[in-house]
Structure formats: C-alpha cells, structure tokens
Amino acid sequence: MITMMIQSCSTTDTKKAGLVGAYGNYEKVTTEEVALFEEAIKAYDTTLRLKPKKVCKQVVAGLNYQFLCVDADKKEHIVIIYKPLPGQGEPRVTSVDNKR
C-alpha cells in the first residue's frame, strides 16, 4: 500500500514536475518585476543602463529573480536579484554578469 502511494506521487517528467530548488523557465517580465528590477539596480549601480527582457525565478528563503537583460550596445547580461521574505529587508542585486 505504501509503495503504491509513493509511486503515484512520483514522476519522471521534469517538464511537468520541475526541479526542486532550480530556476523555472524564462518568461516575459511583468510590470511589477520591472519595478523590482529598477529599484534594485538603482541601489546597486546608477551607471548601469540595462533593460530586462525575460525573467526566471527560484524559490529560496524569499525569491531569486534571474533577469536576462540587454544594454545600449545590445550585449546580453544576467542580473540576479534576491527578494527576501516580507520584513527581512529590501530586494538587492547579488550579481551582474555578461551572458556567455
């Protein structure tokens, strides 16, 4: 009986199940996510002129947002912003890298 219950909960289709702790798929950036990006990037560096194109998210003790961005020269960059749980601080940039 227990074996049957465990088997019924498991799946090998990672597209349906996703990977626990992994980033999801890139999606179109929402208005709220653009506002979050602009607030965090401004606090990080006021000289960066990046425009977010897509975003994927990772659930941690809060949320990691991985933004795919382009600069004025059309070069791609990955910006990761951590948004802590409510009452535990403001969203902040944790990394900015050129996309390889």
PDB file of N, CA and C in Angstrom:
ATOM      1  N   MET A   1       0.829  -1.192   0.000  1.00  0.00           N
ATOM      2  CA  MET A   1       0.000   0.000   0.000  1.00  0.00           C
ATOM      3  C   MET A   1       0.871   1.252   0.000  1.00  0.00           C
ATOM      4  N   ILE A   2       1.862   1.322   0.887  1.00  0.00           N
ATOM      5  CA  ILE A   2       2.731   2.497   0.945  1.00  0.00           C
ATOM      6  C   ILE A   2       3.491   2.659  -0.352  1.00  0.00           C
ATOM      7  N   THR A   3       3.989   1.580  -0.909  1.00  0.00           N
ATOM      8  CA  THR A   3       4.718   1.630  -2.175  1.00  0.00           C
ATOM      9  C   THR A   3       3.843   2.211  -3.272  1.00  0.00           C
ATOM     10  N   MET A   4       2.590   1.821  -3.309  1.00  0.00           N
ATOM     11  CA  MET A   4       1.667   2.331  -4.320  1.00  0.00           C
ATOM     12  C   MET A   4       1.475   3.830  -4.155  1.00  0.00           C
ATOM     13  N   MET A   5       1.383   4.305  -2.942  1.00  0.00           N
ATOM     14  CA  MET A   5       1.189   5.734  -2.690  1.00  0.00           C
ATOM     15  C   MET A   5       2.421   6.530  -3.113  1.00  0.00           C
ATOM     16  N   ILE A   6       3.595   6.018  -2.810  1.00  0.00           N
ATOM     17  CA  ILE A   6       4.826   6.704  -3.184  1.00  0.00           C
ATOM     18  C   ILE A   6       4.960   6.755  -4.698  1.00  0.00           C
ATOM     19  N   GLN A   7       4.688   5.641  -5.369  1.00  0.00           N
ATOM     20  CA  GLN A   7       4.787   5.611  -6.819  1.00  0.00           C
ATOM     21  C   GLN A   7       3.791   6.549  -7.471  1.00  0.00           C
ATOM     22  N   SER A   8       2.624   6.686  -6.915  1.00  0.00           N
ATOM     23  CA  SER A   8       1.617   7.550  -7.523  1.00  0.00           C
ATOM     24  C   SER A   8       1.994   9.028  -7.398  1.00  0.00           C
ATOM     25  N   CYS A   9       2.843   9.377  -6.459  1.00  0.00           N
ATOM     26  CA  CYS A   9       3.270  10.761  -6.273  1.00  0.00           C
ATOM     27  C   CYS A   9       4.515  11.104  -7.072  1.00  0.00           C
ATOM     28  N   SER A  10       5.228  10.111  -7.552  1.00  0.00           N
ATOM     29  CA  SER A  10       6.473  10.389  -8.261  1.00  0.00           C
ATOM     30  C   SER A  10       6.220  10.538  -9.742  1.00  0.00           C
ATOM     31  N   THR A  11       7.114  11.273 -10.407  1.00  0.00           N
ATOM     32  CA  THR A  11       7.041  11.433 -11.853  1.00  0.00           C
ATOM     33  C   THR A  11       8.450  11.560 -12.395  1.00  0.00           C
ATOM     34  N   THR A  12       8.644  11.114 -13.598  1.00  0.00           N
ATOM     35  CA  THR A  12       9.952  11.258 -14.233  1.00  0.00           C
ATOM     36  C   THR A  12       9.926  12.344 -15.288  1.00  0.00           C
ATOM     37  N   ASP A  13       8.792  12.964 -15.505  1.00  0.00           N
ATOM     38  CA  ASP A  13       8.671  14.043 -16.484  1.00  0.00           C
ATOM     39  C   ASP A  13       9.063  15.351 -15.821  1.00  0.00           C
ATOM     40  N   THR A  14      10.324  15.793 -16.018  1.00  0.00           N
ATOM     41  CA  THR A  14      10.815  17.001 -15.349  1.00  0.00           C
ATOM     42  C   THR A  14      10.161  18.263 -15.883  1.00  0.00           C
ATOM     43  N   LYS A  15       9.617  18.228 -17.105  1.00  0.00           N
ATOM     44  CA  LYS A  15       8.927  19.410 -17.619  1.00  0.00           C
ATOM     45  C   LYS A  15       7.658  19.668 -16.816  1.00  0.00           C
ATOM     46  N   LYS A  16       6.983  18.595 -16.400  1.00  0.00           N
ATOM     47  CA  LYS A  16       5.766  18.754 -15.606  1.00  0.00           C
ATOM     48  C   LYS A  16       6.112  18.999 -14.143  1.00  0.00           C
ATOM     49  N   ALA A  17       7.062  18.251 -13.619  1.00  0.00           N
ATOM     50  CA  ALA A  17       7.358  18.302 -12.193  1.00  0.00           C
ATOM     51  C   ALA A  17       8.293  19.442 -11.844  1.00  0.00           C
ATOM     52  N   GLY A  18       9.223  19.813 -12.735  1.00  0.00           N
ATOM     53  CA  GLY A  18      10.215  20.815 -12.412  1.00  0.00           C
ATOM     54  C   GLY A  18      11.258  20.230 -11.478  1.00  0.00           C
ATOM     55  N   LEU A  19      12.323  20.941 -11.287  1.00  0.00           N
ATOM     56  CA  LEU A  19      13.353  20.503 -10.366  1.00  0.00           C
ATOM     57  C   LEU A  19      13.259  21.340  -9.109  1.00  0.00           C
ATOM     58  N   VAL A  20      13.145  20.699  -7.986  1.00  0.00           N
ATOM     59  CA  VAL A  20      13.041  21.402  -6.715  1.00  0.00           C
ATOM     60  C   VAL A  20      14.306  22.231  -6.500  1.00  0.00           C
ATOM     61  N   GLY A  21      14.139  23.519  -6.222  1.00  0.00           N
ATOM     62  CA  GLY A  21      15.263  24.397  -5.958  1.00  0.00           C
ATOM     63  C   GLY A  21      15.896  25.000  -7.200  1.00  0.00           C
ATOM     64  N   ALA A  22      15.446  24.617  -8.383  1.00  0.00           N
ATOM     65  CA  ALA A  22      16.019  25.132  -9.627  1.00  0.00           C
ATOM     66  C   ALA A  22      15.237  26.349 -10.103  1.00  0.00           C
ATOM     67  N   TYR A  23      15.866  27.113 -10.993  1.00  0.00           N
ATOM     68  CA  TYR A  23      15.151  28.208 -11.637  1.00  0.00           C
ATOM     69  C   TYR A  23      14.098  27.624 -12.569  1.00  0.00           C
ATOM     70  N   GLY A  24      12.987  28.334 -12.698  1.00  0.00           N
ATOM     71  CA  GLY A  24      11.961  27.953 -13.655  1.00  0.00           C
ATOM     72  C   GLY A  24      12.367  28.405 -15.048  1.00  0.00           C
ATOM     73  N   ASN A  25      11.443  28.333 -15.979  1.00  0.00           N
ATOM     74  CA  ASN A  25      11.692  28.772 -17.345  1.00  0.00           C
ATOM     75  C   ASN A  25      11.630  30.296 -17.435  1.00  0.00           C
ATOM     76  N   TYR A  26      12.356  30.847 -18.412  1.00  0.00           N
ATOM     77  CA  TYR A  26      12.262  32.282 -18.656  1.00  0.00           C
ATOM     78  C   TYR A  26      10.862  32.628 -19.132  1.00  0.00           C
ATOM     79  N   GLU A  27      10.371  33.760 -18.647  1.00  0.00           N
ATOM     80  CA  GLU A  27       9.052  34.256 -19.012  1.00  0.00           C
ATOM     81  C   GLU A  27       9.143  35.747 -19.297  1.00  0.00           C
ATOM     82  N   LYS A  28       8.092  36.279 -19.878  1.00  0.00           N
ATOM     83  CA  LYS A  28       8.010  37.713 -20.126  1.00  0.00           C
ATOM     84  C   LYS A  28       7.999  38.454 -18.778  1.00  0.00           C
ATOM     85  N   VAL A  29       8.678  39.590 -18.727  1.00  0.00           N
ATOM     86  CA  VAL A  29       8.785  40.371 -17.493  1.00  0.00           C
ATOM     87  C   VAL A  29       7.482  41.148 -17.272  1.00  0.00           C
ATOM     88  N   THR A  30       6.944  41.067 -16.059  1.00  0.00           N
ATOM     89  CA  THR A  30       5.717  41.797 -15.717  1.00  0.00           C
ATOM     90  C   THR A  30       6.065  43.216 -15.282  1.00  0.00           C
ATOM     91  N   THR A  31       5.057  44.059 -15.188  1.00  0.00           N
ATOM     92  CA  THR A  31       5.231  45.433 -14.726  1.00  0.00           C
ATOM     93  C   THR A  31       5.812  45.465 -13.315  1.00  0.00           C
ATOM     94  N   GLU A  32       5.338  44.580 -12.445  1.00  0.00           N
ATOM     95  CA  GLU A  32       5.830  44.524 -11.063  1.00  0.00           C
ATOM     96  C   GLU A  32       7.303  44.104 -11.022  1.00  0.00           C
ATOM     97  N   GLU A  33       7.688  43.172 -11.901  1.00  0.00           N
ATOM     98  CA  GLU A  33       9.074  42.716 -11.941  1.00  0.00           C
ATOM     99  C   GLU A  33      10.000  43.796 -12.494  1.00  0.00           C
ATOM    100  N   VAL A  34       9.521  44.589 -13.450  1.00  0.00           N
ATOM    101  CA  VAL A  34      10.311  45.725 -13.958  1.00  0.00           C
ATOM    102  C   VAL A  34      10.549  46.722 -12.829  1.00  0.00           C
ATOM    103  N   ALA A  35       9.527  47.021 -12.043  1.00  0.00           N
ATOM    104  CA  ALA A  35       9.668  47.944 -10.915  1.00  0.00           C
ATOM    105  C   ALA A  35      10.673  47.416  -9.893  1.00  0.00           C
ATOM    106  N   LEU A  36      10.593  46.125  -9.586  1.00  0.00           N
ATOM    107  CA  LEU A  36      11.545  45.496  -8.674  1.00  0.00           C
ATOM    108  C   LEU A  36      12.964  45.612  -9.225  1.00  0.00           C
ATOM    109  N   PHE A  37      13.134  45.315 -10.514  1.00  0.00           N
ATOM    110  CA  PHE A  37      14.440  45.392 -11.166  1.00  0.00           C
ATOM    111  C   PHE A  37      14.998  46.811 -11.077  1.00  0.00           C
ATOM    112  N   GLU A  38      14.204  47.785 -11.463  1.00  0.00           N
ATOM    113  CA  GLU A  38      14.671  49.180 -11.478  1.00  0.00           C
ATOM    114  C   GLU A  38      15.061  49.667 -10.089  1.00  0.00           C
ATOM    115  N   GLU A  39      14.287  49.307  -9.084  1.00  0.00           N
ATOM    116  CA  GLU A  39      14.592  49.698  -7.704  1.00  0.00           C
ATOM    117  C   GLU A  39      15.913  49.086  -7.246  1.00  0.00           C
ATOM    118  N   ALA A  40      16.084  47.805  -7.473  1.00  0.00           N
ATOM    119  CA  ALA A  40      17.286  47.104  -7.001  1.00  0.00           C
ATOM    120  C   ALA A  40      18.531  47.527  -7.779  1.00  0.00           C
ATOM    121  N   ILE A  41      18.430  47.698  -9.102  1.00  0.00           N
ATOM    122  CA  ILE A  41      19.604  48.037  -9.908  1.00  0.00           C
ATOM    123  C   ILE A  41      20.055  49.462  -9.606  1.00  0.00           C
ATOM    124  N   LYS A  42      19.109  50.349  -9.312  1.00  0.00           N
ATOM    125  CA  LYS A  42      19.443  51.736  -8.971  1.00  0.00           C
ATOM    126  C   LYS A  42      20.243  51.785  -7.667  1.00  0.00           C
ATOM    127  N   ALA A  43      19.862  50.972  -6.708  1.00  0.00           N
ATOM    128  CA  ALA A  43      20.589  50.918  -5.432  1.00  0.00           C
ATOM    129  C   ALA A  43      21.960  50.280  -5.612  1.00  0.00           C
ATOM    130  N   TYR A  44      22.105  49.417  -6.620  1.00  0.00           N
ATOM    131  CA  TYR A  44      23.361  48.709  -6.864  1.00  0.00           C
ATOM    132  C   TYR A  44      24.363  49.575  -7.620  1.00  0.00           C
ATOM    133  N   ASP A  45      23.916  50.196  -8.719  1.00  0.00           N
ATOM    134  CA  ASP A  45      24.818  50.990  -9.554  1.00  0.00           C
ATOM    135  C   ASP A  45      23.976  51.892 -10.453  1.00  0.00           C
ATOM    136  N   THR A  46      24.095  53.195 -10.276  1.00  0.00           N
ATOM    137  CA  THR A  46      23.285  54.129 -11.054  1.00  0.00           C
ATOM    138  C   THR A  46      23.791  54.315 -12.479  1.00  0.00           C
ATOM    139  N   THR A  47      24.972  53.788 -12.818  1.00  0.00           N
ATOM    140  CA  THR A  47      25.509  53.945 -14.171  1.00  0.00           C
ATOM    141  C   THR A  47      25.071  52.828 -15.119  1.00  0.00           C
ATOM    142  N   LEU A  48      24.571  51.731 -14.588  1.00  0.00           N
ATOM    143  CA  LEU A  48      24.132  50.620 -15.441  1.00  0.00           C
ATOM    144  C   LEU A  48      22.853  51.007 -16.181  1.00  0.00           C
ATOM    145  N   ARG A  49      22.859  50.786 -17.467  1.00  0.00           N
ATOM    146  CA  ARG A  49      21.689  51.073 -18.297  1.00  0.00           C
ATOM    147  C   ARG A  49      21.228  49.769 -18.943  1.00  0.00           C
ATOM    148  N   LEU A  50      20.626  48.927 -18.116  1.00  0.00           N
ATOM    149  CA  LEU A  50      20.190  47.615 -18.586  1.00  0.00           C
ATOM    150  C   LEU A  50      18.672  47.576 -18.673  1.00  0.00           C
ATOM    151  N   LYS A  51      18.181  46.879 -19.680  1.00  0.00           N
ATOM    152  CA  LYS A  51      16.737  46.710 -19.849  1.00  0.00           C
ATOM    153  C   LYS A  51      16.405  45.230 -19.728  1.00  0.00           C
ATOM    154  N   PRO A  52      15.556  44.869 -18.758  1.00  0.00           N
ATOM    155  CA  PRO A  52      15.188  43.458 -18.605  1.00  0.00           C
ATOM    156  C   PRO A  52      14.268  42.993 -19.739  1.00  0.00           C
ATOM    157  N   LYS A  53      14.595  41.828 -20.313  1.00  0.00           N
ATOM    158  CA  LYS A  53      13.802  41.259 -21.404  1.00  0.00           C
ATOM    159  C   LYS A  53      12.977  40.060 -20.947  1.00  0.00           C
ATOM    160  N   LYS A  54      13.603  39.183 -20.148  1.00  0.00           N
ATOM    161  CA  LYS A  54      12.936  37.978 -19.649  1.00  0.00           C
ATOM    162  C   LYS A  54      13.378  37.754 -18.210  1.00  0.00           C
ATOM    163  N   VAL A  55      12.619  36.940 -17.500  1.00  0.00           N
ATOM    164  CA  VAL A  55      12.949  36.631 -16.109  1.00  0.00           C
ATOM    165  C   VAL A  55      12.573  35.188 -15.795  1.00  0.00           C
ATOM    166  N   CYS A  56      13.379  34.569 -14.950  1.00  0.00           N
ATOM    167  CA  CYS A  56      13.005  33.283 -14.369  1.00  0.00           C
ATOM    168  C   CYS A  56      13.231  33.406 -12.862  1.00  0.00           C
ATOM    169  N   LYS A  57      12.554  32.558 -12.108  1.00  0.00           N
ATOM    170  CA  LYS A  57      12.578  32.683 -10.646  1.00  0.00           C
ATOM    171  C   LYS A  57      12.976  31.386  -9.981  1.00  0.00           C
ATOM    172  N   GLN A  58      13.554  31.544  -8.799  1.00  0.00           N
ATOM    173  CA  GLN A  58      13.945  30.410  -7.967  1.00  0.00           C
ATOM    174  C   GLN A  58      13.447  30.689  -6.557  1.00  0.00           C
ATOM    175  N   VAL A  59      12.703  29.737  -5.997  1.00  0.00           N
ATOM    176  CA  VAL A  59      12.203  29.883  -4.633  1.00  0.00           C
ATOM    177  C   VAL A  59      13.312  29.476  -3.677  1.00  0.00           C
ATOM    178  N   VAL A  60      13.656  30.385  -2.785  1.00  0.00           N
ATOM    179  CA  VAL A  60      14.622  30.137  -1.706  1.00  0.00           C
ATOM    180  C   VAL A  60      13.946  30.676  -0.452  1.00  0.00           C
ATOM    181  N   ALA A  61      14.678  31.144   0.521  1.00  0.00           N
ATOM    182  CA  ALA A  61      14.058  31.831   1.658  1.00  0.00           C
ATOM    183  C   ALA A  61      13.748  33.248   1.172  1.00  0.00           C
ATOM    184  N   GLY A  62      12.786  33.333   0.291  1.00  0.00           N
ATOM    185  CA  GLY A  62      12.453  34.519  -0.479  1.00  0.00           C
ATOM    186  C   GLY A  62      12.431  34.086  -1.938  1.00  0.00           C
ATOM    187  N   LEU A  63      12.818  34.988  -2.839  1.00  0.00           N
ATOM    188  CA  LEU A  63      12.860  34.660  -4.267  1.00  0.00           C
ATOM    189  C   LEU A  63      14.127  35.193  -4.895  1.00  0.00           C
ATOM    190  N   ASN A  64      14.745  34.419  -5.761  1.00  0.00           N
ATOM    191  CA  ASN A  64      15.810  34.899  -6.636  1.00  0.00           C
ATOM    192  C   ASN A  64      15.175  35.138  -7.995  1.00  0.00           C
ATOM    193  N   TYR A  65      15.431  36.307  -8.550  1.00  0.00           N
ATOM    194  CA  TYR A  65      14.989  36.637  -9.898  1.00  0.00           C
ATOM    195  C   TYR A  65      16.223  36.675 -10.779  1.00  0.00           C
ATOM    196  N   GLN A  66      16.217  35.933 -11.865  1.00  0.00           N
ATOM    197  CA  GLN A  66      17.323  35.965 -12.816  1.00  0.00           C
ATOM    198  C   GLN A  66      16.800  36.666 -14.074  1.00  0.00           C
ATOM    199  N   PHE A  67      17.252  37.919 -14.257  1.00  0.00           N
ATOM    200  CA  PHE A  67      16.802  38.719 -15.380  1.00  0.00           C
ATOM    201  C   PHE A  67      17.784  38.595 -16.534  1.00  0.00           C
ATOM    202  N   LEU A  68      17.264  38.337 -17.728  1.00  0.00           N
ATOM    203  CA  LEU A  68      18.050  38.400 -18.952  1.00  0.00           C
ATOM    204  C   LEU A  68      17.854  39.819 -19.472  1.00  0.00           C
ATOM    205  N   CYS A  69      18.955  40.571 -19.557  1.00  0.00           N
ATOM    206  CA  CYS A  69      18.896  41.991 -19.899  1.00  0.00           C
ATOM    207  C   CYS A  69      19.756  42.300 -21.114  1.00  0.00           C
ATOM    208  N   VAL A  70      19.516  43.462 -21.730  1.00  0.00           N
ATOM    209  CA  VAL A  70      20.381  43.965 -22.791  1.00  0.00           C
ATOM    210  C   VAL A  70      20.799  45.377 -22.432  1.00  0.00           C
ATOM    211  N   ASP A  71      22.014  45.749 -22.876  1.00  0.00           N
ATOM    212  CA  ASP A  71      22.485  47.112 -22.666  1.00  0.00           C
ATOM    213  C   ASP A  71      22.302  47.908 -23.965  1.00  0.00           C
ATOM    214  N   ALA A  72      22.782  49.146 -23.984  1.00  0.00           N
ATOM    215  CA  ALA A  72      22.627  50.021 -25.153  1.00  0.00           C
ATOM    216  C   ALA A  72      23.318  49.459 -26.388  1.00  0.00           C
ATOM    217  N   ASP A  73      24.362  48.646 -26.205  1.00  0.00           N
ATOM    218  CA  ASP A  73      25.087  48.042 -27.322  1.00  0.00           C
ATOM    219  C   ASP A  73      24.511  46.676 -27.726  1.00  0.00           C
ATOM    220  N   LYS A  74      23.349  46.325 -27.175  1.00  0.00           N
ATOM    221  CA  LYS A  74      22.667  45.054 -27.450  1.00  0.00           C
ATOM    222  C   LYS A  74      23.410  43.836 -26.896  1.00  0.00           C
ATOM    223  N   LYS A  75      24.333  44.057 -25.963  1.00  0.00           N
ATOM    224  CA  LYS A  75      25.008  42.942 -25.298  1.00  0.00           C
ATOM    225  C   LYS A  75      24.092  42.419 -24.200  1.00  0.00           C
ATOM    226  N   GLU A  76      24.073  41.102 -24.049  1.00  0.00           N
ATOM    227  CA  GLU A  76      23.219  40.491 -23.036  1.00  0.00           C
ATOM    228  C   GLU A  76      23.938  40.356 -21.702  1.00  0.00           C
ATOM    229  N   HIS A  77      23.182  40.515 -20.642  1.00  0.00           N
ATOM    230  CA  HIS A  77      23.684  40.403 -19.276  1.00  0.00           C
ATOM    231  C   HIS A  77      22.671  39.622 -18.454  1.00  0.00           C
ATOM    232  N   ILE A  78      23.167  38.931 -17.447  1.00  0.00           N
ATOM    233  CA  ILE A  78      22.321  38.241 -16.478  1.00  0.00           C
ATOM    234  C   ILE A  78      22.437  38.999 -15.158  1.00  0.00           C
ATOM    235  N   VAL A  79      21.302  39.432 -14.631  1.00  0.00           N
ATOM    236  CA  VAL A  79      21.262  40.133 -13.349  1.00  0.00           C
ATOM    237  C   VAL A  79      20.422  39.291 -12.398  1.00  0.00           C
ATOM    238  N   ILE A  80      21.009  38.971 -11.251  1.00  0.00           N
ATOM    239  CA  ILE A  80      20.274  38.210 -10.241  1.00  0.00           C
ATOM    240  C   ILE A  80      19.936  39.137  -9.086  1.00  0.00           C
ATOM    241  N   ILE A  81      18.661  39.149  -8.748  1.00  0.00           N
ATOM    242  CA  ILE A  81      18.159  39.979  -7.650  1.00  0.00           C
ATOM    243  C   ILE A  81      17.498  39.051  -6.640  1.00  0.00           C
ATOM    244  N   TYR A  82      17.883  39.230  -5.388  1.00  0.00           N
ATOM    245  CA  TYR A  82      17.296  38.454  -4.298  1.00  0.00           C
ATOM    246  C   TYR A  82      16.255  39.317  -3.604  1.00  0.00           C
ATOM    247  N   LYS A  83      15.045  38.795  -3.485  1.00  0.00           N
ATOM    248  CA  LYS A  83      13.966  39.464  -2.756  1.00  0.00           C
ATOM    249  C   LYS A  83      13.669  38.631  -1.515  1.00  0.00           C
ATOM    250  N   PRO A  84      14.081  39.138  -0.332  1.00  0.00           N
ATOM    251  CA  PRO A  84      13.860  38.358   0.892  1.00  0.00           C
ATOM    252  C   PRO A  84      12.375  38.274   1.266  1.00  0.00           C
ATOM    253  N   LEU A  85      12.088  37.447   2.221  1.00  0.00           N
ATOM    254  CA  LEU A  85      10.734  37.330   2.744  1.00  0.00           C
ATOM    255  C   LEU A  85      10.300  38.666   3.340  1.00  0.00           C
ATOM    256  N   PRO A  86       8.986  38.930   3.415  1.00  0.00           N
ATOM    257  CA  PRO A  86       8.500  40.197   3.978  1.00  0.00           C
ATOM    258  C   PRO A  86       9.072  40.465   5.364  1.00  0.00           C
ATOM    259  N   GLY A  87       9.470  41.710   5.576  1.00  0.00           N
ATOM    260  CA  GLY A  87      10.011  42.122   6.865  1.00  0.00           C
ATOM    261  C   GLY A  87      11.475  41.787   7.071  1.00  0.00           C
ATOM    262  N   GLN A  88      12.141  41.235   6.035  1.00  0.00           N
ATOM    263  CA  GLN A  88      13.546  40.839   6.186  1.00  0.00           C
ATOM    264  C   GLN A  88      14.482  41.619   5.272  1.00  0.00           C
ATOM    265  N   GLY A  89      14.074  42.809   4.878  1.00  0.00           N
ATOM    266  CA  GLY A  89      14.946  43.657   4.076  1.00  0.00           C
ATOM    267  C   GLY A  89      14.408  43.914   2.690  1.00  0.00           C
ATOM    268  N   GLU A  90      15.155  44.723   1.973  1.00  0.00           N
ATOM    269  CA  GLU A  90      14.776  45.129   0.622  1.00  0.00           C
ATOM    270  C   GLU A  90      15.407  44.213  -0.424  1.00  0.00           C
ATOM    271  N   PRO A  91      14.810  44.151  -1.612  1.00  0.00           N
ATOM    272  CA  PRO A  91      15.430  43.395  -2.706  1.00  0.00           C
ATOM    273  C   PRO A  91      16.801  43.976  -3.028  1.00  0.00           C
ATOM    274  N   ARG A  92      17.750  43.097  -3.425  1.00  0.00           N
ATOM    275  CA  ARG A  92      19.102  43.582  -3.729  1.00  0.00           C
ATOM    276  C   ARG A  92      19.734  42.747  -4.839  1.00  0.00           C
ATOM    277  N   VAL A  93      20.590  43.406  -5.602  1.00  0.00           N
ATOM    278  CA  VAL A  93      21.317  42.733  -6.670  1.00  0.00           C
ATOM    279  C   VAL A  93      22.405  41.873  -6.037  1.00  0.00           C
ATOM    280  N   THR A  94      22.479  40.622  -6.447  1.00  0.00           N
ATOM    281  CA  THR A  94      23.534  39.744  -5.940  1.00  0.00           C
ATOM    282  C   THR A  94      24.600  39.465  -6.983  1.00  0.00           C
ATOM    283  N   SER A  95      24.265  39.643  -8.285  1.00  0.00           N
ATOM    284  CA  SER A  95      25.306  39.511  -9.317  1.00  0.00           C
ATOM    285  C   SER A  95      24.836  40.127 -10.626  1.00  0.00           C
ATOM    286  N   VAL A  96      25.843  40.601 -11.392  1.00  0.00           N
ATOM    287  CA  VAL A  96      25.640  41.106 -12.742  1.00  0.00           C
ATOM    288  C   VAL A  96      26.751  40.507 -13.592  1.00  0.00           C
ATOM    289  N   ASP A  97      26.394  39.735 -14.600  1.00  0.00           N
ATOM    290  CA  ASP A  97      27.386  39.072 -15.449  1.00  0.00           C
ATOM    291  C   ASP A  97      27.034  39.241 -16.915  1.00  0.00           C
ATOM    292  N   ASN A  98      28.064  39.257 -17.758  1.00  0.00           N
ATOM    293  CA  ASN A  98      27.843  39.191 -19.197  1.00  0.00           C
ATOM    294  C   ASN A  98      27.375  37.801 -19.521  1.00  0.00           C
ATOM    295  N   LYS A  99      26.413  37.701 -20.430  1.00  0.00           N
ATOM    296  CA  LYS A  99      25.953  36.379 -20.847  1.00  0.00           C
ATOM    297  C   LYS A  99      26.979  35.816 -21.806  1.00  0.00           C
ATOM    298  N   ARG A 100      27.341  34.584 -21.604  1.00  0.00           N
ATOM    299  CA  ARG A 100      28.360  33.955 -22.445  1.00  0.00           C
ATOM    300  C   ARG A 100      27.739  33.092 -23.491  1.00  0.00           C
TER     301      ARG A 100
END
